[in-house]
Amino acid sequence: PVINAYKDSTPLVAIVLDQYGRADERLADISLAE
């Protein structure tokens, strides 16, 4: 969906919550931005 929005110039705010693990591990391991 994020790349689909990019290709069609659709405004989208995609929020990813790290609710259960340590931020320095989970966000670094699997980053939607990357």
All heavy atoms as atom14 arrays in JSON, in Angstrom:
{
  "sequence": "PVINAYKDSTPLVAIVLDQYGRADERLADISLAE",
  "atom14_mask": [
    [1, 1, 1, 1, 1, 1, 1, 0, 0, 0, 0, 0, 0, 0],
    [1, 1, 1, 1, 1, 1, 1, 0, 0, 0, 0, 0, 0, 0],
    [1, 1, 1, 1, 1, 1, 1, 1, 0, 0, 0, 0, 0, 0],
    [1, 1, 1, 1, 1, 1, 1, 1, 0, 0, 0, 0, 0, 0],
    [1, 1, 1, 1, 1, 0, 0, 0, 0, 0, 0, 0, 0, 0],
    [1, 1, 1, 1, 1, 1, 1, 1, 1, 1, 1, 1, 0, 0],
    [1, 1, 1, 1, 1, 1, 1, 1, 1, 0, 0, 0, 0, 0],
    [1, 1, 1, 1, 1, 1, 1, 1, 0, 0, 0, 0, 0, 0],
    [1, 1, 1, 1, 1, 1, 0, 0, 0, 0, 0, 0, 0, 0],
    [1, 1, 1, 1, 1, 1, 1, 0, 0, 0, 0, 0, 0, 0],
    [1, 1, 1, 1, 1, 1, 1, 0, 0, 0, 0, 0, 0, 0],
    [1, 1, 1, 1, 1, 1, 1, 1, 0, 0, 0, 0, 0, 0],
    [1, 1, 1, 1, 1, 1, 1, 0, 0, 0, 0, 0, 0, 0],
    [1, 1, 1, 1, 1, 0, 0, 0, 0, 0, 0, 0, 0, 0],
    [1, 1, 1, 1, 1, 1, 1, 1, 0, 0, 0, 0, 0, 0],
    [1, 1, 1, 1, 1, 1, 1, 0, 0, 0, 0, 0, 0, 0],
    [1, 1, 1, 1, 1, 1, 1, 1, 0, 0, 0, 0, 0, 0],
    [1, 1, 1, 1, 1, 1, 1, 1, 0, 0, 0, 0, 0, 0],
    [1, 1, 1, 1, 1, 1, 1, 1, 1, 0, 0, 0, 0, 0],
    [1, 1, 1, 1, 1, 1, 1, 1, 1, 1, 1, 1, 0, 0],
    [1, 1, 1, 1, 0, 0, 0, 0, 0, 0, 0, 0, 0, 0],
    [1, 1, 1, 1, 1, 1, 1, 1, 1, 1, 1, 0, 0, 0],
    [1, 1, 1, 1, 1, 0, 0, 0, 0, 0, 0, 0, 0, 0],
    [1, 1, 1, 1, 1, 1, 1, 1, 0, 0, 0, 0, 0, 0],
    [1, 1, 1, 1, 1, 1, 1, 1, 1, 0, 0, 0, 0, 0],
    [1, 1, 1, 1, 1, 1, 1, 1, 1, 1, 1, 0, 0, 0],
    [1, 1, 1, 1, 1, 1, 1, 1, 0, 0, 0, 0, 0, 0],
    [1, 1, 1, 1, 1, 0, 0, 0, 0, 0, 0, 0, 0, 0],
    [1, 1, 1, 1, 1, 1, 1, 1, 0, 0, 0, 0, 0, 0],
    [1, 1, 1, 1, 1, 1, 1, 1, 0, 0, 0, 0, 0, 0],
    [1, 1, 1, 1, 1, 1, 0, 0, 0, 0, 0, 0, 0, 0],
    [1, 1, 1, 1, 1, 1, 1, 1, 0, 0, 0, 0, 0, 0],
    [1, 1, 1, 1, 1, 0, 0, 0, 0, 0, 0, 0, 0, 0],
    [1, 1, 1, 1, 1, 1, 1, 1, 1, 0, 0, 0, 0, 0]
  ],
  "atom14_positions": [
    [[0.8, -1.23, 0.0], [0.0, 0.0, 0.0], [0.83, 1.28, 0.0], [0.46, 2.26, -0.66], [-0.83, -0.12, 1.29], [-0.89, -1.57, 1.57], [0.42, -2.12, 1.11], [0.0, 0.0, 0.0], [0.0, 0.0, 0.0], [0.0, 0.0, 0.0], [0.0, 0.0, 0.0], [0.0, 0.0, 0.0], [0.0, 0.0, 0.0], [0.0, 0.0, 0.0]],
    [[1.94, 1.27, 0.72], [2.77, 2.48, 0.77], [3.34, 2.79, -0.61], [3.29, 3.93, -1.09], [3.89, 2.31, 1.82], [4.98, 3.36, 1.64], [3.31, 2.39, 3.23], [0.0, 0.0, 0.0], [0.0, 0.0, 0.0], [0.0, 0.0, 0.0], [0.0, 0.0, 0.0], [0.0, 0.0, 0.0], [0.0, 0.0, 0.0], [0.0, 0.0, 0.0]],
    [[3.88, 1.79, -1.28], [4.45, 2.03, -2.61], [3.34, 2.33, -3.62], [3.51, 3.16, -4.53], [5.32, 0.85, -3.05], [6.53, 0.73, -2.1], [5.79, 1.02, -4.49], [7.46, -0.41, -2.42], [0.0, 0.0, 0.0], [0.0, 0.0, 0.0], [0.0, 0.0, 0.0], [0.0, 0.0, 0.0], [0.0, 0.0, 0.0], [0.0, 0.0, 0.0]],
    [[2.19, 1.7, -3.46], [1.05, 2.01, -4.32], [0.67, 3.49, -4.18], [0.4, 4.18, -5.18], [-0.14, 1.13, -3.94], [-1.24, 1.16, -4.97], [-1.16, 0.53, -6.02], [-2.3, 1.91, -4.69], [0.0, 0.0, 0.0], [0.0, 0.0, 0.0], [0.0, 0.0, 0.0], [0.0, 0.0, 0.0], [0.0, 0.0, 0.0], [0.0, 0.0, 0.0]],
    [[0.64, 3.98, -2.95], [0.33, 5.39, -2.71], [1.37, 6.3, -3.34], [1.05, 7.37, -3.89], [0.23, 5.66, -1.21], [0.0, 0.0, 0.0], [0.0, 0.0, 0.0], [0.0, 0.0, 0.0], [0.0, 0.0, 0.0], [0.0, 0.0, 0.0], [0.0, 0.0, 0.0], [0.0, 0.0, 0.0], [0.0, 0.0, 0.0], [0.0, 0.0, 0.0]],
    [[2.62, 5.89, -3.27], [3.69, 6.69, -3.88], [3.51, 6.8, -5.39], [3.61, 7.88, -5.98], [5.04, 6.05, -3.54], [6.23, 6.8, -4.08], [6.71, 7.93, -3.42], [6.89, 6.37, -5.23], [7.82, 8.61, -3.91], [7.98, 7.05, -5.72], [8.45, 8.17, -5.06], [9.54, 8.85, -5.55], [0.0, 0.0, 0.0], [0.0, 0.0, 0.0]],
    [[3.21, 5.68, -6.03], [3.07, 5.67, -7.48], [1.87, 6.49, -7.96], [1.89, 7.06, -9.05], [2.94, 4.23, -7.99], [4.17, 3.37, -7.74], [5.33, 3.75, -8.65], [5.13, 3.23, -10.05], [6.28, 3.48, -10.93], [0.0, 0.0, 0.0], [0.0, 0.0, 0.0], [0.0, 0.0, 0.0], [0.0, 0.0, 0.0], [0.0, 0.0, 0.0]],
    [[0.82, 6.56, -7.13], [-0.38, 7.31, -7.51], [-0.48, 8.66, -6.83], [-1.53, 9.3, -6.87], [-1.63, 6.47, -7.21], [-1.82, 5.33, -8.19], [-1.23, 5.38, -9.29], [-2.55, 4.37, -7.86], [0.0, 0.0, 0.0], [0.0, 0.0, 0.0], [0.0, 0.0, 0.0], [0.0, 0.0, 0.0], [0.0, 0.0, 0.0], [0.0, 0.0, 0.0]],
    [[0.59, 9.11, -6.21], [0.64, 10.43, -5.56], [-0.52, 10.61, -4.58], [-1.2, 11.64, -4.57], [0.62, 11.54, -6.62], [1.7, 11.42, -7.51], [0.0, 0.0, 0.0], [0.0, 0.0, 0.0], [0.0, 0.0, 0.0], [0.0, 0.0, 0.0], [0.0, 0.0, 0.0], [0.0, 0.0, 0.0], [0.0, 0.0, 0.0], [0.0, 0.0, 0.0]],
    [[-0.72, 9.62, -3.74], [-1.8, 9.64, -2.75], [-1.24, 10.02, -1.38], [-0.29, 9.39, -0.91], [-2.46, 8.26, -2.65], [-2.98, 7.9, -3.94], [-3.59, 8.27, -1.64], [0.0, 0.0, 0.0], [0.0, 0.0, 0.0], [0.0, 0.0, 0.0], [0.0, 0.0, 0.0], [0.0, 0.0, 0.0], [0.0, 0.0, 0.0], [0.0, 0.0, 0.0]],
    [[-1.81, 11.02, -0.72], [-1.29, 11.41, 0.6], [-1.65, 10.35, 1.65], [-2.81, 9.99, 1.82], [-2.01, 12.73, 0.89], [-3.26, 12.68, 0.07], [-2.92, 11.89, -1.16], [0.0, 0.0, 0.0], [0.0, 0.0, 0.0], [0.0, 0.0, 0.0], [0.0, 0.0, 0.0], [0.0, 0.0, 0.0], [0.0, 0.0, 0.0], [0.0, 0.0, 0.0]],
    [[-0.63, 9.85, 2.32], [-0.81, 8.75, 3.27], [0.16, 8.95, 4.42], [1.33, 9.26, 4.2], [-0.55, 7.42, 2.57], [-0.76, 6.13, 3.36], [-2.25, 5.88, 3.56], [-0.12, 4.94, 2.65], [0.0, 0.0, 0.0], [0.0, 0.0, 0.0], [0.0, 0.0, 0.0], [0.0, 0.0, 0.0], [0.0, 0.0, 0.0], [0.0, 0.0, 0.0]],
    [[-0.33, 8.78, 5.64], [0.54, 8.74, 6.81], [0.45, 7.33, 7.38], [-0.61, 6.9, 7.86], [0.12, 9.79, 7.86], [0.97, 9.64, 9.12], [0.27, 11.2, 7.29], [0.0, 0.0, 0.0], [0.0, 0.0, 0.0], [0.0, 0.0, 0.0], [0.0, 0.0, 0.0], [0.0, 0.0, 0.0], [0.0, 0.0, 0.0], [0.0, 0.0, 0.0]],
    [[1.55, 6.6, 7.29], [1.62, 5.21, 7.74], [2.41, 5.18, 9.05], [3.61, 5.51, 9.06], [2.28, 4.34, 6.68], [0.0, 0.0, 0.0], [0.0, 0.0, 0.0], [0.0, 0.0, 0.0], [0.0, 0.0, 0.0], [0.0, 0.0, 0.0], [0.0, 0.0, 0.0], [0.0, 0.0, 0.0], [0.0, 0.0, 0.0], [0.0, 0.0, 0.0]],
    [[1.74, 4.78, 10.11], [2.34, 4.79, 11.44], [2.63, 3.36, 11.87], [1.75, 2.49, 11.82], [1.41, 5.47, 12.46], [1.16, 6.94, 12.03], [1.99, 5.41, 13.87], [0.11, 7.65, 12.88], [0.0, 0.0, 0.0], [0.0, 0.0, 0.0], [0.0, 0.0, 0.0], [0.0, 0.0, 0.0], [0.0, 0.0, 0.0], [0.0, 0.0, 0.0]],
    [[3.85, 3.11, 12.29], [4.28, 1.79, 12.74], [4.58, 1.87, 14.23], [5.43, 2.68, 14.66], [5.53, 1.3, 11.98], [5.94, -0.08, 12.47], [5.27, 1.27, 10.48], [0.0, 0.0, 0.0], [0.0, 0.0, 0.0], [0.0, 0.0, 0.0], [0.0, 0.0, 0.0], [0.0, 0.0, 0.0], [0.0, 0.0, 0.0], [0.0, 0.0, 0.0]],
    [[3.9, 1.06, 15.02], [4.05, 1.08, 16.47], [4.86, -0.12, 16.93], [4.52, -1.26, 16.62], [2.68, 1.04, 17.15], [1.67, 2.14, 16.78], [0.4, 1.93, 17.57], [2.25, 3.52, 17.04], [0.0, 0.0, 0.0], [0.0, 0.0, 0.0], [0.0, 0.0, 0.0], [0.0, 0.0, 0.0], [0.0, 0.0, 0.0], [0.0, 0.0, 0.0]],
    [[5.9, 0.14, 17.69], [6.64, -0.95, 18.34], [6.09, -1.05, 19.76], [6.55, -0.38, 20.67], [8.13, -0.63, 18.35], [8.92, -1.74, 19.04], [8.36, -2.84, 19.19], [10.07, -1.5, 19.42], [0.0, 0.0, 0.0], [0.0, 0.0, 0.0], [0.0, 0.0, 0.0], [0.0, 0.0, 0.0], [0.0, 0.0, 0.0], [0.0, 0.0, 0.0]],
    [[5.07, -1.91, 19.92], [4.37, -1.99, 21.21], [4.95, -3.01, 22.16], [4.77, -2.91, 23.37], [2.9, -2.35, 20.96], [2.14, -1.29, 20.19], [0.75, -1.8, 19.82], [0.62, -2.61, 18.93], [-0.26, -1.33, 20.53], [0.0, 0.0, 0.0], [0.0, 0.0, 0.0], [0.0, 0.0, 0.0], [0.0, 0.0, 0.0], [0.0, 0.0, 0.0]],
    [[5.63, -4.0, 21.63], [5.93, -5.16, 22.46], [7.41, -5.4, 22.7], [7.78, -6.17, 23.58], [5.32, -6.42, 21.83], [3.85, -6.25, 21.56], [3.37, -6.19, 20.25], [2.95, -6.11, 22.61], [2.03, -6.01, 20.01], [1.6, -5.92, 22.37], [1.14, -5.87, 21.06], [-0.18, -5.69, 20.82], [0.0, 0.0, 0.0], [0.0, 0.0, 0.0]],
    [[8.28, -4.78, 21.92], [9.69, -5.08, 22.08], [10.5, -3.83, 22.36], [9.97, -2.72, 22.45], [0.0, 0.0, 0.0], [0.0, 0.0, 0.0], [0.0, 0.0, 0.0], [0.0, 0.0, 0.0], [0.0, 0.0, 0.0], [0.0, 0.0, 0.0], [0.0, 0.0, 0.0], [0.0, 0.0, 0.0], [0.0, 0.0, 0.0], [0.0, 0.0, 0.0]],
    [[11.78, -4.0, 22.47], [12.67, -2.87, 22.7], [12.88, -2.13, 21.4], [13.13, -2.71, 20.35], [14.01, -3.37, 23.23], [13.97, -3.83, 24.67], [15.29, -4.45, 25.06], [16.42, -3.63, 24.62], [17.66, -4.09, 24.52], [17.92, -5.35, 24.8], [18.62, -3.3, 24.12], [0.0, 0.0, 0.0], [0.0, 0.0, 0.0], [0.0, 0.0, 0.0]],
    [[12.79, -0.82, 21.46], [12.87, -0.01, 20.24], [14.2, -0.18, 19.52], [14.25, -0.24, 18.3], [12.68, 1.46, 20.6], [0.0, 0.0, 0.0], [0.0, 0.0, 0.0], [0.0, 0.0, 0.0], [0.0, 0.0, 0.0], [0.0, 0.0, 0.0], [0.0, 0.0, 0.0], [0.0, 0.0, 0.0], [0.0, 0.0, 0.0], [0.0, 0.0, 0.0]],
    [[15.27, -0.31, 20.28], [16.57, -0.38, 19.62], [16.78, -1.7, 18.9], [17.71, -1.85, 18.11], [17.71, -0.15, 20.63], [17.68, -1.18, 21.76], [16.65, -1.85, 21.92], [18.69, -1.28, 22.47], [0.0, 0.0, 0.0], [0.0, 0.0, 0.0], [0.0, 0.0, 0.0], [0.0, 0.0, 0.0], [0.0, 0.0, 0.0], [0.0, 0.0, 0.0]],
    [[15.92, -2.69, 19.17], [16.01, -3.96, 18.46], [15.0, -4.02, 17.32], [15.35, -4.15, 16.16], [15.77, -5.13, 19.42], [16.87, -5.28, 20.46], [16.56, -6.42, 21.41], [15.47, -7.01, 21.29], [17.4, -6.7, 22.28], [0.0, 0.0, 0.0], [0.0, 0.0, 0.0], [0.0, 0.0, 0.0], [0.0, 0.0, 0.0], [0.0, 0.0, 0.0]],
    [[13.7, -3.91, 17.63], [12.67, -4.21, 16.64], [12.64, -3.21, 15.5], [12.58, -3.59, 14.35], [11.3, -4.29, 17.31], [11.33, -5.36, 18.38], [10.08, -6.06, 18.63], [9.2, -6.25, 17.51], [8.18, -7.07, 17.57], [7.96, -7.75, 18.67], [7.37, -7.21, 16.56], [0.0, 0.0, 0.0], [0.0, 0.0, 0.0], [0.0, 0.0, 0.0]],
    [[12.65, -1.94, 15.8], [12.59, -0.95, 14.72], [13.83, -1.03, 13.85], [13.77, -0.79, 12.64], [12.43, 0.45, 15.3], [11.02, 0.79, 15.82], [11.0, 2.17, 16.41], [9.97, 0.67, 14.73], [0.0, 0.0, 0.0], [0.0, 0.0, 0.0], [0.0, 0.0, 0.0], [0.0, 0.0, 0.0], [0.0, 0.0, 0.0], [0.0, 0.0, 0.0]],
    [[14.95, -1.33, 14.45], [16.17, -1.42, 13.66], [16.18, -2.68, 12.8], [16.71, -2.69, 11.69], [17.39, -1.41, 14.59], [0.0, 0.0, 0.0], [0.0, 0.0, 0.0], [0.0, 0.0, 0.0], [0.0, 0.0, 0.0], [0.0, 0.0, 0.0], [0.0, 0.0, 0.0], [0.0, 0.0, 0.0], [0.0, 0.0, 0.0], [0.0, 0.0, 0.0]],
    [[15.58, -3.76, 13.31], [15.6, -5.01, 12.57], [14.71, -4.98, 11.34], [15.08, -5.43, 10.26], [15.15, -6.17, 13.48], [16.23, -6.53, 14.49], [17.36, -6.06, 14.3], [15.93, -7.29, 15.42], [0.0, 0.0, 0.0], [0.0, 0.0, 0.0], [0.0, 0.0, 0.0], [0.0, 0.0, 0.0], [0.0, 0.0, 0.0], [0.0, 0.0, 0.0]],
    [[13.48, -4.47, 11.49], [12.52, -4.45, 10.38], [11.95, -3.04, 10.3], [11.07, -2.67, 11.08], [11.39, -5.48, 10.59], [11.97, -6.89, 10.72], [10.4, -5.42, 9.43], [10.94, -7.94, 11.02], [0.0, 0.0, 0.0], [0.0, 0.0, 0.0], [0.0, 0.0, 0.0], [0.0, 0.0, 0.0], [0.0, 0.0, 0.0], [0.0, 0.0, 0.0]],
    [[12.46, -2.28, 9.4], [12.03, -0.89, 9.25], [11.22, -0.74, 7.97], [11.7, -1.04, 6.87], [13.25, 0.04, 9.19], [12.88, 1.32, 8.73], [0.0, 0.0, 0.0], [0.0, 0.0, 0.0], [0.0, 0.0, 0.0], [0.0, 0.0, 0.0], [0.0, 0.0, 0.0], [0.0, 0.0, 0.0], [0.0, 0.0, 0.0], [0.0, 0.0, 0.0]],
    [[9.96, -0.31, 8.1], [9.14, -0.07, 6.92], [9.79, 0.98, 6.03], [9.77, 0.87, 4.8], [7.74, 0.38, 7.34], [6.8, 0.79, 6.21], [6.59, -0.35, 5.22], [5.45, 1.25, 6.78], [0.0, 0.0, 0.0], [0.0, 0.0, 0.0], [0.0, 0.0, 0.0], [0.0, 0.0, 0.0], [0.0, 0.0, 0.0], [0.0, 0.0, 0.0]],
    [[10.38, 1.99, 6.64], [11.02, 3.05, 5.86], [12.13, 2.48, 4.97], [12.27, 2.87, 3.81], [11.58, 4.12, 6.78], [0.0, 0.0, 0.0], [0.0, 0.0, 0.0], [0.0, 0.0, 0.0], [0.0, 0.0, 0.0], [0.0, 0.0, 0.0], [0.0, 0.0, 0.0], [0.0, 0.0, 0.0], [0.0, 0.0, 0.0], [0.0, 0.0, 0.0]],
    [[12.91, 1.53, 5.52], [13.98, 0.94, 4.72], [13.44, -0.04, 3.7], [13.91, -0.09, 2.56], [14.99, 0.26, 5.65], [15.76, 1.24, 6.53], [16.77, 0.54, 7.41], [16.96, -0.68, 7.23], [17.35, 1.21, 8.29], [0.0, 0.0, 0.0], [0.0, 0.0, 0.0], [0.0, 0.0, 0.0], [0.0, 0.0, 0.0], [0.0, 0.0, 0.0]]
  ]
}
